[in-house]
Structure formats: structure tokens, C-alpha cells
């Protein structure tokens, strides 16, 4: 293992992840709630995927998009949380050079994939409410397949340079990452090279991808709200808005936690490092744990599908 000394000139072959460098006693207290949230995220998303797969009435474009969101949540959780728990429980702090950059790629790629999925789901709701007669001809299984290919291709291509640029830096000294995860800037700061290009690319790519998605989401809901306010039939507006409720709550979870992470990083000089690390971990855990529960509780078709599967098993 490469030395963690600042003065070592040996090339780094692995890194050491130090969670909460100032308050390492937090690890024992956090391991239990993180474990419970992790099990909840895995169990709820797996149950949702199985329900949609086995229940024929849920074989519709909207639920296929929800399945894609669950798959992204599962991958993000499995990429981050098991390693964090391994550090907490077994003090397994080391992570190989290649594993670190693979984790970095998945985190940077799948986060905008989720926002892009929310954008497609917002468009789905826009067509359903604003153009209901055209919905079956626009939102088809073929549309979902093309949208899924776009989500994967766009984000994989535009975020791949982030870990590539970071991996090409020269790491000749300190190998201790003061974070629970291989965040791009946390790793880049350990290099002996100037990483300004890396930092600029991440900033531009991140805000371009996430910003464009949220602008389109905002526009979709603006048109939806305008259309709903024109409904004259009694109860029509409430029914239309209720179909968007679950989706809106998920976007609220995702965007609120993301906004908190961004703002605390901007004000990193006045916010303790350990708080930033904790928020980064929670951002990869709380939305995946809550997303399937919100849809399961608020969507009648999913609740009915789960009840059918449960009674079949009994």
C-alpha cells in the first residue's frame, strides 16, 4: 500500500477512506440508521420491481419509467452504502485505485440519470393531462425504450470525462481521502497536478445536465398547472393533480437534498467537513429509500398489485 505521507513519491495504488475525520465516533451511532435505510431501500425497490414485473395491469409506460428509477436507485445504493458500512463495522478503509474511479463514475453518471428520468416522467404527466386523447399514441413502449436509451447514453457520455480526467492526474503523495466516498474533488485534491480543468468540467457538465432537466420539469408542470386551472368539471382538477402528486413529491425529495448538498459545499468554509460528508452519504440513501414508498402508498394500482401478489403467496 502506498504511504499516506505527504512527502512520499511512490505512485498511489489505493486510497484510504476516512469518514468523519473530526468525529469518527459518529460511525458507531450512524451505522444502525444507515443499515436500516439501506435495507429499506433495497427491499422497497426490489418489491416494486417484482410487482411491476409480475402484475400485468402495471405493464404500462408510466410504470416502466418507475422501474427504471428503481433500478437507478438500487445501483446507486449498492455503489455507496455497502462500502460505507464496511468502514463503520470492520474498519475496511482501503479502496483500490480502479474501484475508486468506478465508484466515482457511477455516482457522477447515475445522479443525472435520475434527474433525466424525472424529466421524462414529467413529460409523461404533461401529455396525460394536457393531451389525454393523444397519450396512447405518444407515450408508448417504444417511446420508453428510446427515452431509456437517451437517458443512459447522454449521461454516460457527458459524465465519463470526470473520472477519466481525475484518473489521469499524478498521485504521488498523500492517499487519504477525507470522505466516505470517492467524490471527484475529494480525490482530485490528493493529486500533485493542477486539477482546474477537472473542476471546471464537473461544474459545467453537472449544471448543464441537472439544470436542463429541472428547467424542462418546471416547464412541464407549468403547462400542467395552466391546463388544470381551466378544468370546469367538478373534481377534475383535483383528480388531475393527484396523478402528479407522487411524482412531484419524489422530485421534491431529490431536488431538496441536492440543493442542500450544493449550498453546503458552496459554504464549505463555514460548514464542518463532517456535515458535508454526511449529507453526501444521505443523498445516495434517502431518496432511494423513500421513492418506492411514496409511489406505493399514493398509487392505487401499485397497492392493488402488491396486495394481489401478497394474497397469491399466502
C-alpha atoms as a PDB file:
ATOM      1  CA  UNK A   1       0.000   0.000   0.000  1.00  0.00           C
ATOM      2  CA  UNK A   2       1.194   3.435  -0.832  1.00  0.00           C
ATOM      3  CA  UNK A   3       2.258   5.543   2.057  1.00  0.00           C
ATOM      4  CA  UNK A   4      -0.073   8.235   3.229  1.00  0.00           C
ATOM      5  CA  UNK A   5       2.779  10.591   3.833  1.00  0.00           C
ATOM      6  CA  UNK A   6       2.650  13.949   2.133  1.00  0.00           C
ATOM      7  CA  UNK A   7       6.294  13.536   1.126  1.00  0.00           C
ATOM      8  CA  UNK A   8       6.172  10.104  -0.450  1.00  0.00           C
ATOM      9  CA  UNK A   9       6.996   9.983  -4.159  1.00  0.00           C
ATOM     10  CA  UNK A  10       5.757   6.403  -4.707  1.00  0.00           C
ATOM     11  CA  UNK A  11       2.746   6.156  -7.032  1.00  0.00           C
ATOM     12  CA  UNK A  12      -0.562   5.600  -5.272  1.00  0.00           C
ATOM     13  CA  UNK A  13      -2.130   2.176  -5.884  1.00  0.00           C
ATOM     14  CA  UNK A  14      -5.007   2.513  -3.428  1.00  0.00           C
ATOM     15  CA  UNK A  15      -6.738   5.086  -1.265  1.00  0.00           C
ATOM     16  CA  UNK A  16      -7.874   5.189   2.354  1.00  0.00           C
ATOM     17  CA  UNK A  17     -11.372   6.499   3.047  1.00  0.00           C
ATOM     18  CA  UNK A  18     -11.615   8.379   6.337  1.00  0.00           C
ATOM     19  CA  UNK A  19     -15.257   9.014   7.241  1.00  0.00           C
ATOM     20  CA  UNK A  20     -15.835  11.969   9.550  1.00  0.00           C
ATOM     21  CA  UNK A  21     -12.175  12.820  10.225  1.00  0.00           C
ATOM     22  CA  UNK A  22     -13.093  15.102  13.133  1.00  0.00           C
ATOM     23  CA  UNK A  23     -15.835  12.960  14.677  1.00  0.00           C
ATOM     24  CA  UNK A  24     -15.021   9.325  13.972  1.00  0.00           C
ATOM     25  CA  UNK A  25     -17.106   8.287  16.990  1.00  0.00           C
ATOM     26  CA  UNK A  26     -20.150   9.159  14.849  1.00  0.00           C
ATOM     27  CA  UNK A  27     -19.624   5.963  12.888  1.00  0.00           C
ATOM     28  CA  UNK A  28     -20.987   3.716  15.637  1.00  0.00           C
ATOM     29  CA  UNK A  29     -24.113   5.810  16.060  1.00  0.00           C
ATOM     30  CA  UNK A  30     -24.774   6.171  12.343  1.00  0.00           C
ATOM     31  CA  UNK A  31     -24.250   2.556  11.346  1.00  0.00           C
ATOM     32  CA  UNK A  32     -27.659   1.391  12.647  1.00  0.00           C
ATOM     33  CA  UNK A  33     -29.909   4.009  10.937  1.00  0.00           C
ATOM     34  CA  UNK A  34     -27.853   3.766   7.731  1.00  0.00           C
ATOM     35  CA  UNK A  35     -28.240  -0.024   7.769  1.00  0.00           C
ATOM     36  CA  UNK A  36     -31.992   0.250   8.290  1.00  0.00           C
ATOM     37  CA  UNK A  37     -32.364   2.805   5.495  1.00  0.00           C
ATOM     38  CA  UNK A  38     -30.228   0.628   3.218  1.00  0.00           C
ATOM     39  CA  UNK A  39     -32.361  -2.467   3.875  1.00  0.00           C
ATOM     40  CA  UNK A  40     -35.488  -0.360   3.377  1.00  0.00           C
ATOM     41  CA  UNK A  41     -34.203   0.991   0.049  1.00  0.00           C
ATOM     42  CA  UNK A  42     -33.218  -2.458  -1.232  1.00  0.00           C
ATOM     43  CA  UNK A  43     -36.399  -4.145  -0.031  1.00  0.00           C
ATOM     44  CA  UNK A  44     -38.834  -1.462  -1.201  1.00  0.00           C
ATOM     45  CA  UNK A  45     -37.280  -1.042  -4.655  1.00  0.00           C
ATOM     46  CA  UNK A  46     -36.994  -4.801  -5.186  1.00  0.00           C
ATOM     47  CA  UNK A  47     -40.629  -5.281  -4.141  1.00  0.00           C
ATOM     48  CA  UNK A  48     -41.716  -2.528  -6.525  1.00  0.00           C
ATOM     49  CA  UNK A  49     -39.767  -4.053  -9.420  1.00  0.00           C
ATOM     50  CA  UNK A  50     -41.200  -7.533  -8.772  1.00  0.00           C
ATOM     51  CA  UNK A  51     -44.728  -6.144  -8.503  1.00  0.00           C
ATOM     52  CA  UNK A  52     -44.458  -4.273 -11.810  1.00  0.00           C
ATOM     53  CA  UNK A  53     -42.854  -7.297 -13.464  1.00  0.00           C
ATOM     54  CA  UNK A  54     -45.487  -9.815 -12.350  1.00  0.00           C
ATOM     55  CA  UNK A  55     -48.656  -7.693 -12.374  1.00  0.00           C
ATOM     56  CA  UNK A  56     -49.970  -7.438 -15.951  1.00  0.00           C
ATOM     57  CA  UNK A  57     -52.068  -4.348 -15.199  1.00  0.00           C
ATOM     58  CA  UNK A  58     -48.853  -2.425 -14.444  1.00  0.00           C
ATOM     59  CA  UNK A  59     -47.259  -3.146 -17.822  1.00  0.00           C
ATOM     60  CA  UNK A  60     -47.662   0.450 -18.940  1.00  0.00           C
ATOM     61  CA  UNK A  61     -45.118   3.154 -19.899  1.00  0.00           C
ATOM     62  CA  UNK A  62     -45.510   5.123 -16.660  1.00  0.00           C
ATOM     63  CA  UNK A  63     -44.649   2.085 -14.546  1.00  0.00           C
ATOM     64  CA  UNK A  64     -41.766   1.127 -16.816  1.00  0.00           C
ATOM     65  CA  UNK A  65     -40.276   4.568 -16.125  1.00  0.00           C
ATOM     66  CA  UNK A  66     -40.801   3.989 -12.414  1.00  0.00           C
ATOM     67  CA  UNK A  67     -38.975   0.660 -12.786  1.00  0.00           C
ATOM     68  CA  UNK A  68     -36.048   2.479 -14.393  1.00  0.00           C
ATOM     69  CA  UNK A  69     -35.946   4.893 -11.451  1.00  0.00           C
ATOM     70  CA  UNK A  70     -35.914   1.964  -9.008  1.00  0.00           C
ATOM     71  CA  UNK A  71     -33.055   0.298 -10.886  1.00  0.00           C
ATOM     72  CA  UNK A  72     -31.018   3.508 -10.737  1.00  0.00           C
ATOM     73  CA  UNK A  73     -31.736   3.812  -7.012  1.00  0.00           C
ATOM     74  CA  UNK A  74     -30.604   0.242  -6.362  1.00  0.00           C
ATOM     75  CA  UNK A  75     -27.345   0.707  -8.286  1.00  0.00           C
ATOM     76  CA  UNK A  76     -26.559   3.985  -6.503  1.00  0.00           C
ATOM     77  CA  UNK A  77     -27.222   2.434  -3.093  1.00  0.00           C
ATOM     78  CA  UNK A  78     -25.112  -0.647  -3.830  1.00  0.00           C
ATOM     79  CA  UNK A  79     -22.285   1.541  -5.116  1.00  0.00           C
ATOM     80  CA  UNK A  80     -22.011   3.693  -1.999  1.00  0.00           C
ATOM     81  CA  UNK A  81     -23.635   2.280   1.137  1.00  0.00           C
ATOM     82  CA  UNK A  82     -22.026  -1.215   1.470  1.00  0.00           C
ATOM     83  CA  UNK A  83     -18.556   0.357   1.413  1.00  0.00           C
ATOM     84  CA  UNK A  84     -19.602   2.968   3.988  1.00  0.00           C
ATOM     85  CA  UNK A  85     -20.970   0.239   6.275  1.00  0.00           C
ATOM     86  CA  UNK A  86     -17.803  -1.835   5.779  1.00  0.00           C
ATOM     87  CA  UNK A  87     -15.806   1.155   7.049  1.00  0.00           C
ATOM     88  CA  UNK A  88     -18.135   1.618  10.025  1.00  0.00           C
ATOM     89  CA  UNK A  89     -18.298  -2.042  11.035  1.00  0.00           C
ATOM     90  CA  UNK A  90     -14.975  -3.578  10.023  1.00  0.00           C
ATOM     91  CA  UNK A  91     -12.699  -0.555   9.550  1.00  0.00           C
ATOM     92  CA  UNK A  92     -12.124  -1.583   5.903  1.00  0.00           C
ATOM     93  CA  UNK A  93     -10.958   1.833   4.767  1.00  0.00           C
ATOM     94  CA  UNK A  94      -8.833   0.886   1.773  1.00  0.00           C
ATOM     95  CA  UNK A  95     -10.225   1.035  -1.760  1.00  0.00           C
ATOM     96  CA  UNK A  96      -8.283   0.193  -4.887  1.00  0.00           C
ATOM     97  CA  UNK A  97      -7.421   2.801  -7.484  1.00  0.00           C
ATOM     98  CA  UNK A  98      -9.734   1.243 -10.108  1.00  0.00           C
ATOM     99  CA  UNK A  99     -12.618   0.634  -7.664  1.00  0.00           C
ATOM    100  CA  UNK A 100     -12.457   4.248  -6.500  1.00  0.00           C
ATOM    101  CA  UNK A 101     -12.790   5.634 -10.018  1.00  0.00           C
ATOM    102  CA  UNK A 102     -15.510   3.132 -10.911  1.00  0.00           C
ATOM    103  CA  UNK A 103     -17.487   4.336  -7.891  1.00  0.00           C
ATOM    104  CA  UNK A 104     -16.837   7.928  -8.955  1.00  0.00           C
ATOM    105  CA  UNK A 105     -18.136   7.227 -12.480  1.00  0.00           C
ATOM    106  CA  UNK A 106     -21.331   5.545 -11.249  1.00  0.00           C
ATOM    107  CA  UNK A 107     -22.096   8.331  -8.781  1.00  0.00           C
ATOM    108  CA  UNK A 108     -21.495  11.095 -11.329  1.00  0.00           C
ATOM    109  CA  UNK A 109     -23.388   9.236 -14.073  1.00  0.00           C
ATOM    110  CA  UNK A 110     -26.420   7.854 -12.245  1.00  0.00           C
ATOM    111  CA  UNK A 111     -27.306  11.050 -10.404  1.00  0.00           C
ATOM    112  CA  UNK A 112     -28.102  12.961 -13.650  1.00  0.00           C
ATOM    113  CA  UNK A 113     -29.703   9.756 -14.970  1.00  0.00           C
ATOM    114  CA  UNK A 114     -32.213  10.063 -12.134  1.00  0.00           C
ATOM    115  CA  UNK A 115     -32.914  13.722 -12.861  1.00  0.00           C
ATOM    116  CA  UNK A 116     -33.332  12.860 -16.562  1.00  0.00           C
ATOM    117  CA  UNK A 117     -35.778  10.079 -15.621  1.00  0.00           C
ATOM    118  CA  UNK A 118     -37.769  12.592 -13.563  1.00  0.00           C
ATOM    119  CA  UNK A 119     -37.812  14.867 -16.613  1.00  0.00           C
ATOM    120  CA  UNK A 120     -39.228  12.087 -18.832  1.00  0.00           C
ATOM    121  CA  UNK A 121     -41.797  11.247 -16.145  1.00  0.00           C
ATOM    122  CA  UNK A 122     -42.815  14.924 -16.025  1.00  0.00           C
ATOM    123  CA  UNK A 123     -43.304  14.858 -19.808  1.00  0.00           C
ATOM    124  CA  UNK A 124     -45.405  11.703 -19.394  1.00  0.00           C
ATOM    125  CA  UNK A 125     -47.687  13.528 -16.924  1.00  0.00           C
ATOM    126  CA  UNK A 126     -47.798  16.603 -19.199  1.00  0.00           C
ATOM    127  CA  UNK A 127     -49.064  14.542 -22.152  1.00  0.00           C
ATOM    128  CA  UNK A 128     -51.518  12.609 -19.948  1.00  0.00           C
ATOM    129  CA  UNK A 129     -53.150  15.792 -18.607  1.00  0.00           C
ATOM    130  CA  UNK A 130     -52.717  18.315 -21.423  1.00  0.00           C
ATOM    131  CA  UNK A 131     -53.206  15.930 -24.381  1.00  0.00           C
ATOM    132  CA  UNK A 132     -55.120  12.926 -22.984  1.00  0.00           C
ATOM    133  CA  UNK A 133     -56.511  11.800 -26.353  1.00  0.00           C
ATOM    134  CA  UNK A 134     -53.028  11.650 -27.878  1.00  0.00           C
ATOM    135  CA  UNK A 135     -51.424   9.985 -24.839  1.00  0.00           C
ATOM    136  CA  UNK A 136     -51.715   6.356 -26.090  1.00  0.00           C
ATOM    137  CA  UNK A 137     -50.109   7.264 -29.422  1.00  0.00           C
ATOM    138  CA  UNK A 138     -47.280   9.375 -27.920  1.00  0.00           C
ATOM    139  CA  UNK A 139     -46.320   7.577 -24.697  1.00  0.00           C
ATOM    140  CA  UNK A 140     -45.779   4.048 -25.971  1.00  0.00           C
ATOM    141  CA  UNK A 141     -43.441   1.217 -25.030  1.00  0.00           C
ATOM    142  CA  UNK A 142     -41.249   2.287 -27.951  1.00  0.00           C
ATOM    143  CA  UNK A 143     -41.114   5.811 -26.509  1.00  0.00           C
ATOM    144  CA  UNK A 144     -39.988   4.416 -23.135  1.00  0.00           C
ATOM    145  CA  UNK A 145     -37.279   2.332 -24.824  1.00  0.00           C
ATOM    146  CA  UNK A 146     -35.963   5.357 -26.751  1.00  0.00           C
ATOM    147  CA  UNK A 147     -36.154   7.572 -23.659  1.00  0.00           C
ATOM    148  CA  UNK A 148     -34.252   4.981 -21.610  1.00  0.00           C
ATOM    149  CA  UNK A 149     -31.545   4.744 -24.276  1.00  0.00           C
ATOM    150  CA  UNK A 150     -31.286   8.539 -24.323  1.00  0.00           C
ATOM    151  CA  UNK A 151     -31.037   8.721 -20.515  1.00  0.00           C
ATOM    152  CA  UNK A 152     -28.205   6.171 -20.404  1.00  0.00           C
ATOM    153  CA  UNK A 153     -26.293   7.438 -23.447  1.00  0.00           C
ATOM    154  CA  UNK A 154     -26.459  11.162 -22.683  1.00  0.00           C
ATOM    155  CA  UNK A 155     -25.328  10.880 -19.106  1.00  0.00           C
ATOM    156  CA  UNK A 156     -22.721   8.161 -19.628  1.00  0.00           C
ATOM    157  CA  UNK A 157     -21.014  10.106 -22.423  1.00  0.00           C
ATOM    158  CA  UNK A 158     -21.089  13.509 -20.720  1.00  0.00           C
ATOM    159  CA  UNK A 159     -20.019  12.337 -17.259  1.00  0.00           C
ATOM    160  CA  UNK A 160     -17.354   9.801 -18.307  1.00  0.00           C
ATOM    161  CA  UNK A 161     -14.657  12.527 -18.677  1.00  0.00           C
ATOM    162  CA  UNK A 162     -14.932  13.338 -14.947  1.00  0.00           C
ATOM    163  CA  UNK A 163     -13.376  10.090 -13.616  1.00  0.00           C
ATOM    164  CA  UNK A 164     -11.124   9.843 -16.698  1.00  0.00           C
ATOM    165  CA  UNK A 165      -9.627  13.294 -16.072  1.00  0.00           C
ATOM    166  CA  UNK A 166      -9.242  12.505 -12.369  1.00  0.00           C
ATOM    167  CA  UNK A 167      -7.619   9.120 -13.033  1.00  0.00           C
ATOM    168  CA  UNK A 168      -5.059  10.734 -15.345  1.00  0.00           C
ATOM    169  CA  UNK A 169      -3.785  13.016 -12.579  1.00  0.00           C
ATOM    170  CA  UNK A 170      -0.469  12.130 -10.960  1.00  0.00           C
ATOM    171  CA  UNK A 171      -0.923  10.814  -7.414  1.00  0.00           C
ATOM    172  CA  UNK A 172       2.481  10.768  -5.797  1.00  0.00           C
ATOM    173  CA  UNK A 173       1.898  11.530  -2.156  1.00  0.00           C
ATOM    174  CA  UNK A 174      -0.991  11.559   0.258  1.00  0.00           C
ATOM    175  CA  UNK A 175      -3.568   8.805  -0.323  1.00  0.00           C
ATOM    176  CA  UNK A 176      -6.041   9.552   2.492  1.00  0.00           C
ATOM    177  CA  UNK A 177      -9.455  10.672   1.231  1.00  0.00           C
ATOM    178  CA  UNK A 178     -11.313  12.617   3.900  1.00  0.00           C
ATOM    179  CA  UNK A 179     -14.672  11.302   2.783  1.00  0.00           C
ATOM    180  CA  UNK A 180     -16.774   8.125   2.917  1.00  0.00           C
ATOM    181  CA  UNK A 181     -16.954   8.005  -0.878  1.00  0.00           C
ATOM    182  CA  UNK A 182     -14.672   8.677  -3.833  1.00  0.00           C
ATOM    183  CA  UNK A 183     -16.082  12.106  -4.609  1.00  0.00           C
ATOM    184  CA  UNK A 184     -14.309  13.753  -7.525  1.00  0.00           C
ATOM    185  CA  UNK A 185     -12.979  16.826  -5.728  1.00  0.00           C
ATOM    186  CA  UNK A 186     -12.026  14.867  -2.602  1.00  0.00           C
ATOM    187  CA  UNK A 187      -9.828  12.602  -4.731  1.00  0.00           C
ATOM    188  CA  UNK A 188      -8.501  15.322  -7.054  1.00  0.00           C
ATOM    189  CA  UNK A 189      -7.154  17.324  -4.111  1.00  0.00           C
ATOM    190  CA  UNK A 190      -4.706  14.482  -3.392  1.00  0.00           C
ATOM    191  CA  UNK A 191      -3.000  14.792  -6.779  1.00  0.00           C
ATOM    192  CA  UNK A 192       0.303  16.515  -7.409  1.00  0.00           C
ATOM    193  CA  UNK A 193      -1.095  18.137 -10.575  1.00  0.00           C
ATOM    194  CA  UNK A 194      -3.315  21.111 -11.249  1.00  0.00           C
ATOM    195  CA  UNK A 195      -6.925  19.859 -11.447  1.00  0.00           C
ATOM    196  CA  UNK A 196      -8.600  23.104 -12.542  1.00  0.00           C
ATOM    197  CA  UNK A 197      -9.809  21.561 -15.828  1.00  0.00           C
ATOM    198  CA  UNK A 198     -11.321  18.666 -13.910  1.00  0.00           C
ATOM    199  CA  UNK A 199     -13.162  21.013 -11.538  1.00  0.00           C
ATOM    200  CA  UNK A 200     -14.440  23.250 -14.356  1.00  0.00           C
ATOM    201  CA  UNK A 201     -15.679  20.285 -16.418  1.00  0.00           C
ATOM    202  CA  UNK A 202     -17.558  18.788 -13.476  1.00  0.00           C
ATOM    203  CA  UNK A 203     -19.163  22.153 -12.702  1.00  0.00           C
ATOM    204  CA  UNK A 204     -20.219  22.813 -16.314  1.00  0.00           C
ATOM    205  CA  UNK A 205     -21.385  19.249 -17.025  1.00  0.00           C
ATOM    206  CA  UNK A 206     -23.250  18.950 -13.730  1.00  0.00           C
ATOM    207  CA  UNK A 207     -25.131  22.212 -14.048  1.00  0.00           C
ATOM    208  CA  UNK A 208     -25.834  21.638 -17.755  1.00  0.00           C
ATOM    209  CA  UNK A 209     -27.301  18.166 -17.208  1.00  0.00           C
ATOM    210  CA  UNK A 210     -29.178  18.805 -13.969  1.00  0.00           C
ATOM    211  CA  UNK A 211     -30.116  22.368 -14.903  1.00  0.00           C
ATOM    212  CA  UNK A 212     -31.629  21.433 -18.272  1.00  0.00           C
ATOM    213  CA  UNK A 213     -33.609  18.590 -16.669  1.00  0.00           C
ATOM    214  CA  UNK A 214     -35.057  20.797 -13.938  1.00  0.00           C
ATOM    215  CA  UNK A 215     -35.931  23.548 -16.424  1.00  0.00           C
ATOM    216  CA  UNK A 216     -37.912  21.050 -18.513  1.00  0.00           C
ATOM    217  CA  UNK A 217     -39.559  19.638 -15.380  1.00  0.00           C
ATOM    218  CA  UNK A 218     -40.550  23.162 -14.335  1.00  0.00           C
ATOM    219  CA  UNK A 219     -41.976  23.913 -17.795  1.00  0.00           C
ATOM    220  CA  UNK A 220     -43.936  20.643 -17.830  1.00  0.00           C
ATOM    221  CA  UNK A 221     -45.557  21.398 -14.501  1.00  0.00           C
ATOM    222  CA  UNK A 222     -46.230  24.992 -15.504  1.00  0.00           C
ATOM    223  CA  UNK A 223     -48.215  23.778 -18.527  1.00  0.00           C
ATOM    224  CA  UNK A 224     -49.922  21.125 -16.370  1.00  0.00           C
ATOM    225  CA  UNK A 225     -50.990  23.726 -13.802  1.00  0.00           C
ATOM    226  CA  UNK A 226     -52.303  26.048 -16.521  1.00  0.00           C
ATOM    227  CA  UNK A 227     -54.315  23.200 -18.048  1.00  0.00           C
ATOM    228  CA  UNK A 228     -55.690  22.071 -14.688  1.00  0.00           C
ATOM    229  CA  UNK A 229     -56.887  25.582 -13.790  1.00  0.00           C
ATOM    230  CA  UNK A 230     -59.004  25.577 -16.946  1.00  0.00           C
ATOM    231  CA  UNK A 231     -60.873  22.390 -15.999  1.00  0.00           C
ATOM    232  CA  UNK A 232     -64.522  23.177 -15.341  1.00  0.00           C
ATOM    233  CA  UNK A 233     -65.840  19.742 -14.369  1.00  0.00           C
ATOM    234  CA  UNK A 234     -66.237  19.325 -10.605  1.00  0.00           C
ATOM    235  CA  UNK A 235     -63.349  17.351  -9.117  1.00  0.00           C
ATOM    236  CA  UNK A 236     -61.470  17.172 -12.423  1.00  0.00           C
ATOM    237  CA  UNK A 237     -58.679  19.465 -11.259  1.00  0.00           C
ATOM    238  CA  UNK A 238     -58.138  17.570  -8.008  1.00  0.00           C
ATOM    239  CA  UNK A 239     -58.091  14.235  -9.833  1.00  0.00           C
ATOM    240  CA  UNK A 240     -55.601  15.509 -12.402  1.00  0.00           C
ATOM    241  CA  UNK A 241     -53.295  16.929  -9.744  1.00  0.00           C
ATOM    242  CA  UNK A 242     -53.484  13.734  -7.683  1.00  0.00           C
ATOM    243  CA  UNK A 243     -51.971  11.801 -10.599  1.00  0.00           C
ATOM    244  CA  UNK A 244     -48.951  14.121 -10.399  1.00  0.00           C
ATOM    245  CA  UNK A 245     -48.703  14.131  -6.626  1.00  0.00           C
ATOM    246  CA  UNK A 246     -46.367  11.159  -6.227  1.00  0.00           C
ATOM    247  CA  UNK A 247     -44.069  12.351  -8.977  1.00  0.00           C
ATOM    248  CA  UNK A 248     -43.943  15.866  -7.543  1.00  0.00           C
ATOM    249  CA  UNK A 249     -43.079  14.542  -4.058  1.00  0.00           C
ATOM    250  CA  UNK A 250     -40.218  12.446  -5.477  1.00  0.00           C
ATOM    251  CA  UNK A 251     -38.820  15.465  -7.331  1.00  0.00           C
ATOM    252  CA  UNK A 252     -39.115  17.468  -4.114  1.00  0.00           C
ATOM    253  CA  UNK A 253     -37.109  14.853  -2.175  1.00  0.00           C
ATOM    254  CA  UNK A 254     -34.454  14.657  -4.862  1.00  0.00           C
ATOM    255  CA  UNK A 255     -34.078  18.393  -5.501  1.00  0.00           C
ATOM    256  CA  UNK A 256     -34.214  19.457  -1.842  1.00  0.00           C
ATOM    257  CA  UNK A 257     -31.431  17.131  -0.727  1.00  0.00           C
ATOM    258  CA  UNK A 258     -29.398  18.006  -3.820  1.00  0.00           C
ATOM    259  CA  UNK A 259     -29.866  21.717  -3.136  1.00  0.00           C
ATOM    260  CA  UNK A 260     -28.766  21.289   0.480  1.00  0.00           C
ATOM    261  CA  UNK A 261     -25.643  19.403  -0.649  1.00  0.00           C
ATOM    262  CA  UNK A 262     -24.806  22.103  -3.229  1.00  0.00           C
ATOM    263  CA  UNK A 263     -25.353  25.013  -0.839  1.00  0.00           C
ATOM    264  CA  UNK A 264     -23.330  23.448   1.959  1.00  0.00           C
ATOM    265  CA  UNK A 265     -20.487  22.771  -0.455  1.00  0.00           C
ATOM    266  CA  UNK A 266     -20.599  26.393  -1.610  1.00  0.00           C
ATOM    267  CA  UNK A 267     -20.389  27.472   2.018  1.00  0.00           C
ATOM    268  CA  UNK A 268     -17.881  24.754   2.895  1.00  0.00           C
ATOM    269  CA  UNK A 269     -15.669  27.208   4.816  1.00  0.00           C
ATOM    270  CA  UNK A 270     -18.439  27.824   7.341  1.00  0.00           C
ATOM    271  CA  UNK A 271     -19.863  24.271   7.373  1.00  0.00           C
ATOM    272  CA  UNK A 272     -17.954  21.470   9.156  1.00  0.00           C
ATOM    273  CA  UNK A 273     -16.430  18.900   6.798  1.00  0.00           C
ATOM    274  CA  UNK A 274     -18.193  16.067   8.624  1.00  0.00           C
ATOM    275  CA  UNK A 275     -21.602  17.604   7.880  1.00  0.00           C
ATOM    276  CA  UNK A 276     -20.738  17.762   4.166  1.00  0.00           C
ATOM    277  CA  UNK A 277     -19.670  14.109   4.206  1.00  0.00           C
ATOM    278  CA  UNK A 278     -22.849  13.031   5.987  1.00  0.00           C
ATOM    279  CA  UNK A 279     -25.055  14.930   3.516  1.00  0.00           C
ATOM    280  CA  UNK A 280     -23.249  13.303   0.575  1.00  0.00           C
ATOM    281  CA  UNK A 281     -23.909   9.856   2.023  1.00  0.00           C
ATOM    282  CA  UNK A 282     -27.559  10.600   2.828  1.00  0.00           C
ATOM    283  CA  UNK A 283     -28.131  11.966  -0.674  1.00  0.00           C
ATOM    284  CA  UNK A 284     -27.365   8.466  -2.016  1.00  0.00           C
ATOM    285  CA  UNK A 285     -29.629   6.776   0.529  1.00  0.00           C
ATOM    286  CA  UNK A 286     -32.724   8.775   1.499  1.00  0.00           C
ATOM    287  CA  UNK A 287     -34.293   9.289  -1.972  1.00  0.00           C
ATOM    288  CA  UNK A 288     -33.826   5.587  -2.927  1.00  0.00           C
ATOM    289  CA  UNK A 289     -35.454   4.570   0.362  1.00  0.00           C
ATOM    290  CA  UNK A 290     -38.417   6.944   0.059  1.00  0.00           C
ATOM    291  CA  UNK A 291     -39.136   6.874  -3.701  1.00  0.00           C
ATOM    292  CA  UNK A 292     -40.807   3.424  -3.883  1.00  0.00           C
ATOM    293  CA  UNK A 293     -42.675   4.006  -0.614  1.00  0.00           C
ATOM    294  CA  UNK A 294     -44.215   7.256  -1.872  1.00  0.00           C
ATOM    295  CA  UNK A 295     -45.357   5.637  -5.110  1.00  0.00           C
ATOM    296  CA  UNK A 296     -46.532   2.504  -3.293  1.00  0.00           C
ATOM    297  CA  UNK A 297     -48.603   4.492  -0.792  1.00  0.00           C
ATOM    298  CA  UNK A 298     -50.063   7.049  -3.201  1.00  0.00           C
ATOM    299  CA  UNK A 299     -50.662   4.947  -6.324  1.00  0.00           C
ATOM    300  CA  UNK A 300     -53.780   2.785  -6.148  1.00  0.00           C
ATOM    301  CA  UNK A 301     -52.720   0.478  -8.982  1.00  0.00           C
ATOM    302  CA  UNK A 302     -49.411  -0.359  -7.315  1.00  0.00           C
ATOM    303  CA  UNK A 303     -51.080  -1.004  -3.949  1.00  0.00           C
ATOM    304  CA  UNK A 304     -53.586  -3.305  -5.653  1.00  0.00           C
ATOM    305  CA  UNK A 305     -50.782  -5.122  -7.480  1.00  0.00           C
ATOM    306  CA  UNK A 306     -48.859  -5.645  -4.228  1.00  0.00           C
ATOM    307  CA  UNK A 307     -51.993  -6.932  -2.478  1.00  0.00           C
ATOM    308  CA  UNK A 308     -52.646  -9.402  -5.303  1.00  0.00           C
ATOM    309  CA  UNK A 309     -49.096 -10.749  -5.145  1.00  0.00           C
ATOM    310  CA  UNK A 310     -49.274 -10.969  -1.352  1.00  0.00           C
ATOM    311  CA  UNK A 311     -52.520 -12.964  -1.396  1.00  0.00           C
ATOM    312  CA  UNK A 312     -51.152 -15.265  -4.102  1.00  0.00           C
ATOM    313  CA  UNK A 313     -48.164 -16.084  -1.898  1.00  0.00           C
ATOM    314  CA  UNK A 314     -50.499 -16.784   1.025  1.00  0.00           C
END
